[in-house]
All heavy atoms as atom14 arrays in JSON, in Angstrom:
{
  "sequence": "TATYLSSVEFIGYLFAALILLYGGWRVANGELSTGTFISFIGTLF",
  "atom14_mask": [
    [1, 1, 1, 1, 1, 1, 1, 0, 0, 0, 0, 0, 0, 0],
    [1, 1, 1, 1, 1, 0, 0, 0, 0, 0, 0, 0, 0, 0],
    [1, 1, 1, 1, 1, 1, 1, 0, 0, 0, 0, 0, 0, 0],
    [1, 1, 1, 1, 1, 1, 1, 1, 1, 1, 1, 1, 0, 0],
    [1, 1, 1, 1, 1, 1, 1, 1, 0, 0, 0, 0, 0, 0],
    [1, 1, 1, 1, 1, 1, 0, 0, 0, 0, 0, 0, 0, 0],
    [1, 1, 1, 1, 1, 1, 0, 0, 0, 0, 0, 0, 0, 0],
    [1, 1, 1, 1, 1, 1, 1, 0, 0, 0, 0, 0, 0, 0],
    [1, 1, 1, 1, 1, 1, 1, 1, 1, 0, 0, 0, 0, 0],
    [1, 1, 1, 1, 1, 1, 1, 1, 1, 1, 1, 0, 0, 0],
    [1, 1, 1, 1, 1, 1, 1, 1, 0, 0, 0, 0, 0, 0],
    [1, 1, 1, 1, 0, 0, 0, 0, 0, 0, 0, 0, 0, 0],
    [1, 1, 1, 1, 1, 1, 1, 1, 1, 1, 1, 1, 0, 0],
    [1, 1, 1, 1, 1, 1, 1, 1, 0, 0, 0, 0, 0, 0],
    [1, 1, 1, 1, 1, 1, 1, 1, 1, 1, 1, 0, 0, 0],
    [1, 1, 1, 1, 1, 0, 0, 0, 0, 0, 0, 0, 0, 0],
    [1, 1, 1, 1, 1, 0, 0, 0, 0, 0, 0, 0, 0, 0],
    [1, 1, 1, 1, 1, 1, 1, 1, 0, 0, 0, 0, 0, 0],
    [1, 1, 1, 1, 1, 1, 1, 1, 0, 0, 0, 0, 0, 0],
    [1, 1, 1, 1, 1, 1, 1, 1, 0, 0, 0, 0, 0, 0],
    [1, 1, 1, 1, 1, 1, 1, 1, 0, 0, 0, 0, 0, 0],
    [1, 1, 1, 1, 1, 1, 1, 1, 1, 1, 1, 1, 0, 0],
    [1, 1, 1, 1, 0, 0, 0, 0, 0, 0, 0, 0, 0, 0],
    [1, 1, 1, 1, 0, 0, 0, 0, 0, 0, 0, 0, 0, 0],
    [1, 1, 1, 1, 1, 1, 1, 1, 1, 1, 1, 1, 1, 1],
    [1, 1, 1, 1, 1, 1, 1, 1, 1, 1, 1, 0, 0, 0],
    [1, 1, 1, 1, 1, 1, 1, 0, 0, 0, 0, 0, 0, 0],
    [1, 1, 1, 1, 1, 0, 0, 0, 0, 0, 0, 0, 0, 0],
    [1, 1, 1, 1, 1, 1, 1, 1, 0, 0, 0, 0, 0, 0],
    [1, 1, 1, 1, 0, 0, 0, 0, 0, 0, 0, 0, 0, 0],
    [1, 1, 1, 1, 1, 1, 1, 1, 1, 0, 0, 0, 0, 0],
    [1, 1, 1, 1, 1, 1, 1, 1, 0, 0, 0, 0, 0, 0],
    [1, 1, 1, 1, 1, 1, 0, 0, 0, 0, 0, 0, 0, 0],
    [1, 1, 1, 1, 1, 1, 1, 0, 0, 0, 0, 0, 0, 0],
    [1, 1, 1, 1, 0, 0, 0, 0, 0, 0, 0, 0, 0, 0],
    [1, 1, 1, 1, 1, 1, 1, 0, 0, 0, 0, 0, 0, 0],
    [1, 1, 1, 1, 1, 1, 1, 1, 1, 1, 1, 0, 0, 0],
    [1, 1, 1, 1, 1, 1, 1, 1, 0, 0, 0, 0, 0, 0],
    [1, 1, 1, 1, 1, 1, 0, 0, 0, 0, 0, 0, 0, 0],
    [1, 1, 1, 1, 1, 1, 1, 1, 1, 1, 1, 0, 0, 0],
    [1, 1, 1, 1, 1, 1, 1, 1, 0, 0, 0, 0, 0, 0],
    [1, 1, 1, 1, 0, 0, 0, 0, 0, 0, 0, 0, 0, 0],
    [1, 1, 1, 1, 1, 1, 1, 0, 0, 0, 0, 0, 0, 0],
    [1, 1, 1, 1, 1, 1, 1, 1, 0, 0, 0, 0, 0, 0],
    [1, 1, 1, 1, 1, 1, 1, 1, 1, 1, 1, 0, 0, 0]
  ],
  "atom14_positions": [
    [[0.84, -1.21, 0.0], [0.0, 0.0, 0.0], [0.86, 1.25, 0.0], [0.63, 2.19, -0.77], [-0.93, 0.0, 1.24], [-1.74, -1.16, 1.21], [-1.83, 1.23, 1.22], [0.0, 0.0, 0.0], [0.0, 0.0, 0.0], [0.0, 0.0, 0.0], [0.0, 0.0, 0.0], [0.0, 0.0, 0.0], [0.0, 0.0, 0.0], [0.0, 0.0, 0.0]],
    [[1.89, 1.27, 0.88], [2.78, 2.44, 0.97], [3.57, 2.64, -0.32], [3.72, 3.78, -0.8], [3.74, 2.25, 2.15], [0.0, 0.0, 0.0], [0.0, 0.0, 0.0], [0.0, 0.0, 0.0], [0.0, 0.0, 0.0], [0.0, 0.0, 0.0], [0.0, 0.0, 0.0], [0.0, 0.0, 0.0], [0.0, 0.0, 0.0], [0.0, 0.0, 0.0]],
    [[4.06, 1.54, -0.9], [4.82, 1.63, -2.16], [3.93, 2.13, -3.29], [4.36, 2.92, -4.13], [5.41, 0.26, -2.53], [6.11, -0.27, -1.41], [6.38, 0.37, -3.7], [0.0, 0.0, 0.0], [0.0, 0.0, 0.0], [0.0, 0.0, 0.0], [0.0, 0.0, 0.0], [0.0, 0.0, 0.0], [0.0, 0.0, 0.0], [0.0, 0.0, 0.0]],
    [[2.7, 1.66, -3.29], [1.74, 2.11, -4.3], [1.51, 3.62, -4.2], [1.6, 4.34, -5.21], [0.41, 1.37, -4.11], [-0.77, 2.02, -4.79], [-0.92, 1.97, -6.17], [-1.71, 2.72, -4.05], [-1.99, 2.59, -6.79], [-2.78, 3.34, -4.66], [-2.92, 3.27, -6.02], [-3.97, 3.89, -6.63], [0.0, 0.0, 0.0], [0.0, 0.0, 0.0]],
    [[1.25, 4.11, -3.0], [1.0, 5.54, -2.8], [2.23, 6.37, -3.17], [2.12, 7.43, -3.77], [0.6, 5.82, -1.34], [-0.75, 5.22, -0.9], [-0.96, 5.45, 0.59], [-1.89, 5.83, -1.69], [0.0, 0.0, 0.0], [0.0, 0.0, 0.0], [0.0, 0.0, 0.0], [0.0, 0.0, 0.0], [0.0, 0.0, 0.0], [0.0, 0.0, 0.0]],
    [[3.41, 5.86, -2.8], [4.65, 6.55, -3.11], [4.88, 6.63, -4.62], [5.3, 7.67, -5.15], [5.82, 5.83, -2.43], [7.03, 6.49, -2.7], [0.0, 0.0, 0.0], [0.0, 0.0, 0.0], [0.0, 0.0, 0.0], [0.0, 0.0, 0.0], [0.0, 0.0, 0.0], [0.0, 0.0, 0.0], [0.0, 0.0, 0.0], [0.0, 0.0, 0.0]],
    [[4.6, 5.54, -5.34], [4.78, 5.5, -6.8], [3.86, 6.5, -7.49], [4.26, 7.23, -8.4], [4.51, 4.09, -7.32], [5.34, 3.15, -6.71], [0.0, 0.0, 0.0], [0.0, 0.0, 0.0], [0.0, 0.0, 0.0], [0.0, 0.0, 0.0], [0.0, 0.0, 0.0], [0.0, 0.0, 0.0], [0.0, 0.0, 0.0], [0.0, 0.0, 0.0]],
    [[2.59, 6.51, -7.06], [1.61, 7.44, -7.63], [2.05, 8.88, -7.38], [1.96, 9.75, -8.26], [0.21, 7.17, -7.05], [-0.77, 8.27, -7.44], [-0.31, 5.83, -7.52], [0.0, 0.0, 0.0], [0.0, 0.0, 0.0], [0.0, 0.0, 0.0], [0.0, 0.0, 0.0], [0.0, 0.0, 0.0], [0.0, 0.0, 0.0], [0.0, 0.0, 0.0]],
    [[2.53, 9.14, -6.16], [2.97, 10.5, -5.78], [4.14, 10.94, -6.66], [4.19, 12.07, -7.15], [3.38, 10.5, -4.31], [3.52, 11.86, -3.69], [2.19, 12.43, -3.23], [1.21, 11.69, -3.16], [2.15, 13.64, -2.97], [0.0, 0.0, 0.0], [0.0, 0.0, 0.0], [0.0, 0.0, 0.0], [0.0, 0.0, 0.0], [0.0, 0.0, 0.0]],
    [[5.1, 10.03, -6.87], [6.28, 10.37, -7.66], [5.9, 10.69, -9.11], [6.41, 11.67, -9.7], [7.27, 9.2, -7.63], [8.48, 9.42, -8.49], [9.48, 10.3, -8.12], [8.61, 8.76, -9.71], [10.59, 10.52, -8.93], [9.7, 8.97, -10.52], [10.7, 9.85, -10.13], [0.0, 0.0, 0.0], [0.0, 0.0, 0.0], [0.0, 0.0, 0.0]],
    [[5.03, 9.87, -9.7], [4.58, 10.13, -11.08], [3.87, 11.48, -11.16], [4.03, 12.24, -12.12], [3.66, 8.99, -11.55], [4.49, 7.72, -11.79], [2.92, 9.36, -12.83], [3.68, 6.5, -12.11], [0.0, 0.0, 0.0], [0.0, 0.0, 0.0], [0.0, 0.0, 0.0], [0.0, 0.0, 0.0], [0.0, 0.0, 0.0], [0.0, 0.0, 0.0]],
    [[3.09, 11.8, -10.11], [2.4, 13.08, -10.07], [3.37, 14.26, -10.11], [3.18, 15.22, -10.86], [0.0, 0.0, 0.0], [0.0, 0.0, 0.0], [0.0, 0.0, 0.0], [0.0, 0.0, 0.0], [0.0, 0.0, 0.0], [0.0, 0.0, 0.0], [0.0, 0.0, 0.0], [0.0, 0.0, 0.0], [0.0, 0.0, 0.0], [0.0, 0.0, 0.0]],
    [[4.42, 14.17, -9.29], [5.41, 15.25, -9.27], [6.16, 15.35, -10.6], [6.48, 16.45, -11.07], [6.42, 15.02, -8.13], [5.91, 15.51, -6.79], [5.47, 14.62, -5.83], [5.86, 16.88, -6.5], [4.99, 15.06, -4.6], [5.39, 17.33, -5.29], [4.96, 16.43, -4.34], [4.49, 16.86, -3.13], [0.0, 0.0, 0.0], [0.0, 0.0, 0.0]],
    [[6.44, 14.21, -11.2], [7.17, 14.19, -12.47], [6.39, 14.92, -13.57], [6.93, 15.79, -14.26], [7.44, 12.74, -12.87], [8.23, 12.52, -14.16], [9.65, 13.06, -14.01], [8.28, 11.03, -14.51], [0.0, 0.0, 0.0], [0.0, 0.0, 0.0], [0.0, 0.0, 0.0], [0.0, 0.0, 0.0], [0.0, 0.0, 0.0], [0.0, 0.0, 0.0]],
    [[5.1, 14.57, -13.69], [4.29, 15.2, -14.73], [3.92, 16.64, -14.38], [3.76, 17.47, -15.26], [3.04, 14.36, -15.0], [3.29, 13.2, -15.91], [3.65, 11.97, -15.4], [3.21, 13.35, -17.29], [3.91, 10.9, -16.24], [3.47, 12.29, -18.13], [3.82, 11.05, -17.62], [0.0, 0.0, 0.0], [0.0, 0.0, 0.0], [0.0, 0.0, 0.0]],
    [[3.83, 16.94, -13.08], [3.6, 18.33, -12.66], [4.78, 19.21, -13.08], [4.6, 20.35, -13.52], [3.4, 18.4, -11.15], [0.0, 0.0, 0.0], [0.0, 0.0, 0.0], [0.0, 0.0, 0.0], [0.0, 0.0, 0.0], [0.0, 0.0, 0.0], [0.0, 0.0, 0.0], [0.0, 0.0, 0.0], [0.0, 0.0, 0.0], [0.0, 0.0, 0.0]],
    [[5.98, 18.66, -12.99], [7.18, 19.4, -13.4], [7.15, 19.7, -14.91], [7.48, 20.81, -15.35], [8.43, 18.61, -13.05], [0.0, 0.0, 0.0], [0.0, 0.0, 0.0], [0.0, 0.0, 0.0], [0.0, 0.0, 0.0], [0.0, 0.0, 0.0], [0.0, 0.0, 0.0], [0.0, 0.0, 0.0], [0.0, 0.0, 0.0], [0.0, 0.0, 0.0]],
    [[6.72, 18.69, -15.7], [6.62, 18.88, -17.15], [5.58, 19.95, -17.49], [5.79, 20.8, -18.37], [6.26, 17.56, -17.82], [7.33, 16.46, -17.82], [6.76, 15.17, -18.38], [8.56, 16.9, -18.61], [0.0, 0.0, 0.0], [0.0, 0.0, 0.0], [0.0, 0.0, 0.0], [0.0, 0.0, 0.0], [0.0, 0.0, 0.0], [0.0, 0.0, 0.0]],
    [[4.44, 19.91, -16.78], [3.37, 20.88, -17.03], [3.81, 22.29, -16.63], [3.53, 23.27, -17.33], [2.09, 20.46, -16.28], [1.5, 19.21, -16.95], [1.05, 21.58, -16.27], [0.39, 18.54, -16.18], [0.0, 0.0, 0.0], [0.0, 0.0, 0.0], [0.0, 0.0, 0.0], [0.0, 0.0, 0.0], [0.0, 0.0, 0.0], [0.0, 0.0, 0.0]],
    [[4.54, 22.39, -15.5], [5.06, 23.69, -15.08], [6.04, 24.26, -16.1], [6.04, 25.46, -16.41], [5.76, 23.56, -13.71], [4.85, 23.47, -12.49], [5.67, 23.07, -11.26], [4.15, 24.8, -12.24], [0.0, 0.0, 0.0], [0.0, 0.0, 0.0], [0.0, 0.0, 0.0], [0.0, 0.0, 0.0], [0.0, 0.0, 0.0], [0.0, 0.0, 0.0]],
    [[6.87, 23.37, -16.64], [7.86, 23.8, -17.63], [7.18, 24.3, -18.9], [7.48, 25.41, -19.39], [8.79, 22.63, -17.95], [9.98, 22.92, -18.87], [10.95, 23.88, -18.2], [10.69, 21.63, -19.24], [0.0, 0.0, 0.0], [0.0, 0.0, 0.0], [0.0, 0.0, 0.0], [0.0, 0.0, 0.0], [0.0, 0.0, 0.0], [0.0, 0.0, 0.0]],
    [[6.24, 23.51, -19.43], [5.55, 23.87, -20.66], [4.63, 25.08, -20.45], [4.61, 26.02, -21.25], [4.74, 22.66, -21.15], [3.9, 22.94, -22.38], [4.48, 23.37, -23.58], [2.52, 22.77, -22.33], [3.7, 23.63, -24.7], [1.73, 23.01, -23.45], [2.32, 23.44, -24.62], [1.55, 23.7, -25.74], [0.0, 0.0, 0.0], [0.0, 0.0, 0.0]],
    [[3.88, 25.06, -19.34], [2.96, 26.17, -19.06], [3.7, 27.46, -18.78], [3.27, 28.54, -19.23], [0.0, 0.0, 0.0], [0.0, 0.0, 0.0], [0.0, 0.0, 0.0], [0.0, 0.0, 0.0], [0.0, 0.0, 0.0], [0.0, 0.0, 0.0], [0.0, 0.0, 0.0], [0.0, 0.0, 0.0], [0.0, 0.0, 0.0], [0.0, 0.0, 0.0]],
    [[4.8, 27.38, -18.04], [5.6, 28.58, -17.74], [6.16, 29.21, -19.0], [6.21, 30.44, -19.15], [0.0, 0.0, 0.0], [0.0, 0.0, 0.0], [0.0, 0.0, 0.0], [0.0, 0.0, 0.0], [0.0, 0.0, 0.0], [0.0, 0.0, 0.0], [0.0, 0.0, 0.0], [0.0, 0.0, 0.0], [0.0, 0.0, 0.0], [0.0, 0.0, 0.0]],
    [[6.56, 28.34, -19.94], [7.09, 28.84, -21.23], [6.0, 29.57, -22.0], [6.24, 30.63, -22.6], [7.61, 27.64, -22.03], [8.07, 28.0, -23.41], [9.25, 28.58, -23.75], [7.34, 27.79, -24.63], [9.33, 28.76, -25.12], [8.18, 28.29, -25.69], [6.11, 27.24, -24.94], [7.77, 28.24, -27.02], [5.72, 27.19, -26.26], [6.53, 27.69, -27.28]],
    [[4.77, 29.06, -21.96], [3.66, 29.71, -22.67], [3.26, 31.03, -22.02], [2.88, 31.98, -22.69], [2.46, 28.75, -22.73], [2.71, 27.57, -23.67], [1.52, 26.66, -23.74], [0.36, 27.34, -24.28], [-0.89, 26.93, -24.14], [-1.14, 25.83, -23.45], [-1.88, 27.6, -24.67], [0.0, 0.0, 0.0], [0.0, 0.0, 0.0], [0.0, 0.0, 0.0]],
    [[3.33, 31.09, -20.68], [3.03, 32.35, -19.97], [4.08, 33.4, -20.35], [3.75, 34.58, -20.61], [3.01, 32.13, -18.44], [2.95, 33.47, -17.7], [1.81, 31.28, -18.04], [0.0, 0.0, 0.0], [0.0, 0.0, 0.0], [0.0, 0.0, 0.0], [0.0, 0.0, 0.0], [0.0, 0.0, 0.0], [0.0, 0.0, 0.0], [0.0, 0.0, 0.0]],
    [[5.36, 32.98, -20.39], [6.45, 33.92, -20.74], [6.29, 34.44, -22.16], [6.64, 35.6, -22.46], [7.79, 33.2, -20.59], [0.0, 0.0, 0.0], [0.0, 0.0, 0.0], [0.0, 0.0, 0.0], [0.0, 0.0, 0.0], [0.0, 0.0, 0.0], [0.0, 0.0, 0.0], [0.0, 0.0, 0.0], [0.0, 0.0, 0.0], [0.0, 0.0, 0.0]],
    [[5.71, 33.62, -23.06], [5.5, 34.05, -24.45], [4.17, 34.75, -24.66], [3.82, 35.1, -25.8], [5.58, 32.84, -25.39], [7.01, 32.32, -25.53], [7.97, 33.05, -25.29], [7.14, 31.06, -25.91], [0.0, 0.0, 0.0], [0.0, 0.0, 0.0], [0.0, 0.0, 0.0], [0.0, 0.0, 0.0], [0.0, 0.0, 0.0], [0.0, 0.0, 0.0]],
    [[3.38, 34.91, -23.58], [2.11, 35.64, -23.68], [0.96, 34.82, -24.23], [-0.1, 35.38, -24.55], [0.0, 0.0, 0.0], [0.0, 0.0, 0.0], [0.0, 0.0, 0.0], [0.0, 0.0, 0.0], [0.0, 0.0, 0.0], [0.0, 0.0, 0.0], [0.0, 0.0, 0.0], [0.0, 0.0, 0.0], [0.0, 0.0, 0.0], [0.0, 0.0, 0.0]],
    [[1.12, 33.51, -24.36], [0.04, 32.66, -24.86], [-1.01, 32.35, -23.79], [-2.13, 31.95, -24.1], [0.62, 31.33, -25.38], [1.47, 31.45, -26.62], [1.96, 30.1, -27.1], [1.28, 29.08, -26.8], [3.01, 30.02, -27.75], [0.0, 0.0, 0.0], [0.0, 0.0, 0.0], [0.0, 0.0, 0.0], [0.0, 0.0, 0.0], [0.0, 0.0, 0.0]],
    [[-0.62, 32.5, -22.52], [-1.46, 32.09, -21.4], [-1.37, 33.14, -20.31], [-0.27, 33.65, -20.02], [-0.95, 30.74, -20.86], [-1.91, 29.83, -20.11], [-3.08, 29.4, -21.0], [-1.17, 28.6, -19.6], [0.0, 0.0, 0.0], [0.0, 0.0, 0.0], [0.0, 0.0, 0.0], [0.0, 0.0, 0.0], [0.0, 0.0, 0.0], [0.0, 0.0, 0.0]],
    [[-2.53, 33.5, -19.69], [-2.49, 34.49, -18.6], [-1.97, 33.83, -17.33], [-2.1, 32.62, -17.14], [-3.88, 35.06, -18.35], [-4.71, 34.12, -17.7], [0.0, 0.0, 0.0], [0.0, 0.0, 0.0], [0.0, 0.0, 0.0], [0.0, 0.0, 0.0], [0.0, 0.0, 0.0], [0.0, 0.0, 0.0], [0.0, 0.0, 0.0], [0.0, 0.0, 0.0]],
    [[-1.39, 34.64, -16.46], [-0.84, 34.12, -15.19], [-1.92, 33.48, -14.34], [-1.74, 32.41, -13.77], [-0.18, 35.27, -14.4], [0.78, 35.91, -15.22], [0.49, 34.75, -13.13], [0.0, 0.0, 0.0], [0.0, 0.0, 0.0], [0.0, 0.0, 0.0], [0.0, 0.0, 0.0], [0.0, 0.0, 0.0], [0.0, 0.0, 0.0], [0.0, 0.0, 0.0]],
    [[-3.1, 34.16, -14.26], [-4.21, 33.64, -13.46], [-4.69, 32.29, -13.96], [-4.95, 31.38, -13.17], [0.0, 0.0, 0.0], [0.0, 0.0, 0.0], [0.0, 0.0, 0.0], [0.0, 0.0, 0.0], [0.0, 0.0, 0.0], [0.0, 0.0, 0.0], [0.0, 0.0, 0.0], [0.0, 0.0, 0.0], [0.0, 0.0, 0.0], [0.0, 0.0, 0.0]],
    [[-4.81, 32.16, -15.29], [-5.27, 30.89, -15.87], [-4.27, 29.77, -15.58], [-4.66, 28.65, -15.21], [-5.44, 31.02, -17.4], [-6.42, 32.03, -17.66], [-5.91, 29.71, -18.02], [0.0, 0.0, 0.0], [0.0, 0.0, 0.0], [0.0, 0.0, 0.0], [0.0, 0.0, 0.0], [0.0, 0.0, 0.0], [0.0, 0.0, 0.0], [0.0, 0.0, 0.0]],
    [[-2.98, 30.08, -15.72], [-1.95, 29.07, -15.5], [-1.92, 28.6, -14.04], [-1.91, 27.4, -13.76], [-0.58, 29.62, -15.9], [0.54, 28.64, -15.69], [0.51, 27.39, -16.27], [1.63, 28.97, -14.89], [1.54, 26.47, -16.08], [2.66, 28.06, -14.69], [2.61, 26.82, -15.29], [0.0, 0.0, 0.0], [0.0, 0.0, 0.0], [0.0, 0.0, 0.0]],
    [[-1.95, 29.56, -13.11], [-1.92, 29.2, -11.68], [-3.19, 28.44, -11.3], [-3.15, 27.47, -10.55], [-1.73, 30.46, -10.81], [-0.33, 31.03, -11.03], [-1.94, 30.13, -9.33], [-0.06, 32.32, -10.33], [0.0, 0.0, 0.0], [0.0, 0.0, 0.0], [0.0, 0.0, 0.0], [0.0, 0.0, 0.0], [0.0, 0.0, 0.0], [0.0, 0.0, 0.0]],
    [[-4.33, 28.87, -11.83], [-5.59, 28.18, -11.55], [-5.57, 26.77, -12.12], [-6.12, 25.83, -11.52], [-6.76, 28.96, -12.14], [-6.87, 30.23, -11.53], [0.0, 0.0, 0.0], [0.0, 0.0, 0.0], [0.0, 0.0, 0.0], [0.0, 0.0, 0.0], [0.0, 0.0, 0.0], [0.0, 0.0, 0.0], [0.0, 0.0, 0.0], [0.0, 0.0, 0.0]],
    [[-4.97, 26.61, -13.32], [-4.85, 25.28, -13.92], [-4.04, 24.36, -13.02], [-4.43, 23.21, -12.78], [-4.19, 25.39, -15.31], [-4.12, 24.08, -16.04], [-5.11, 23.72, -16.93], [-3.06, 23.21, -15.84], [-5.06, 22.5, -17.6], [-3.0, 22.0, -16.5], [-4.0, 21.64, -17.39], [0.0, 0.0, 0.0], [0.0, 0.0, 0.0], [0.0, 0.0, 0.0]],
    [[-2.91, 24.88, -12.51], [-2.06, 24.07, -11.63], [-2.82, 23.69, -10.36], [-2.79, 22.54, -9.91], [-0.76, 24.84, -11.27], [0.09, 25.07, -12.52], [0.04, 24.08, -10.2], [0.57, 23.81, -13.18], [0.0, 0.0, 0.0], [0.0, 0.0, 0.0], [0.0, 0.0, 0.0], [0.0, 0.0, 0.0], [0.0, 0.0, 0.0], [0.0, 0.0, 0.0]],
    [[-3.53, 24.68, -9.77], [-4.31, 24.4, -8.56], [-5.38, 23.37, -8.81], [-5.57, 22.44, -8.01], [0.0, 0.0, 0.0], [0.0, 0.0, 0.0], [0.0, 0.0, 0.0], [0.0, 0.0, 0.0], [0.0, 0.0, 0.0], [0.0, 0.0, 0.0], [0.0, 0.0, 0.0], [0.0, 0.0, 0.0], [0.0, 0.0, 0.0], [0.0, 0.0, 0.0]],
    [[-6.09, 23.49, -9.93], [-7.15, 22.54, -10.29], [-6.55, 21.16, -10.57], [-7.14, 20.13, -10.21], [-7.91, 23.03, -11.54], [-8.37, 24.36, -11.31], [-9.11, 22.14, -11.84], [0.0, 0.0, 0.0], [0.0, 0.0, 0.0], [0.0, 0.0, 0.0], [0.0, 0.0, 0.0], [0.0, 0.0, 0.0], [0.0, 0.0, 0.0], [0.0, 0.0, 0.0]],
    [[-5.39, 21.16, -11.19], [-4.71, 19.9, -11.51], [-4.38, 19.12, -10.24], [-4.59, 17.9, -10.16], [-3.43, 20.18, -12.3], [-2.67, 18.96, -12.83], [-3.51, 18.21, -13.85], [-1.35, 19.38, -13.45], [0.0, 0.0, 0.0], [0.0, 0.0, 0.0], [0.0, 0.0, 0.0], [0.0, 0.0, 0.0], [0.0, 0.0, 0.0], [0.0, 0.0, 0.0]],
    [[-3.88, 19.82, -9.22], [-3.57, 19.15, -7.96], [-4.83, 18.64, -7.27], [-4.83, 17.58, -6.64], [-2.79, 20.08, -7.03], [-1.31, 20.14, -7.34], [-0.73, 21.29, -7.81], [-0.52, 19.02, -7.18], [0.63, 21.34, -8.12], [0.84, 19.04, -7.48], [1.42, 20.2, -7.95], [0.0, 0.0, 0.0], [0.0, 0.0, 0.0], [0.0, 0.0, 0.0]]
  ]
}
């Protein structure tokens, strides 16, 4: 049970990092508003 929860948590952080990287790049280029991006991250969690 503990290993399962730990594995799921790790995958979550890994993909969250990818989304932060891609989303942050789009915010810097003006494709996405800051509020939308932060709200997306909050909703994602």
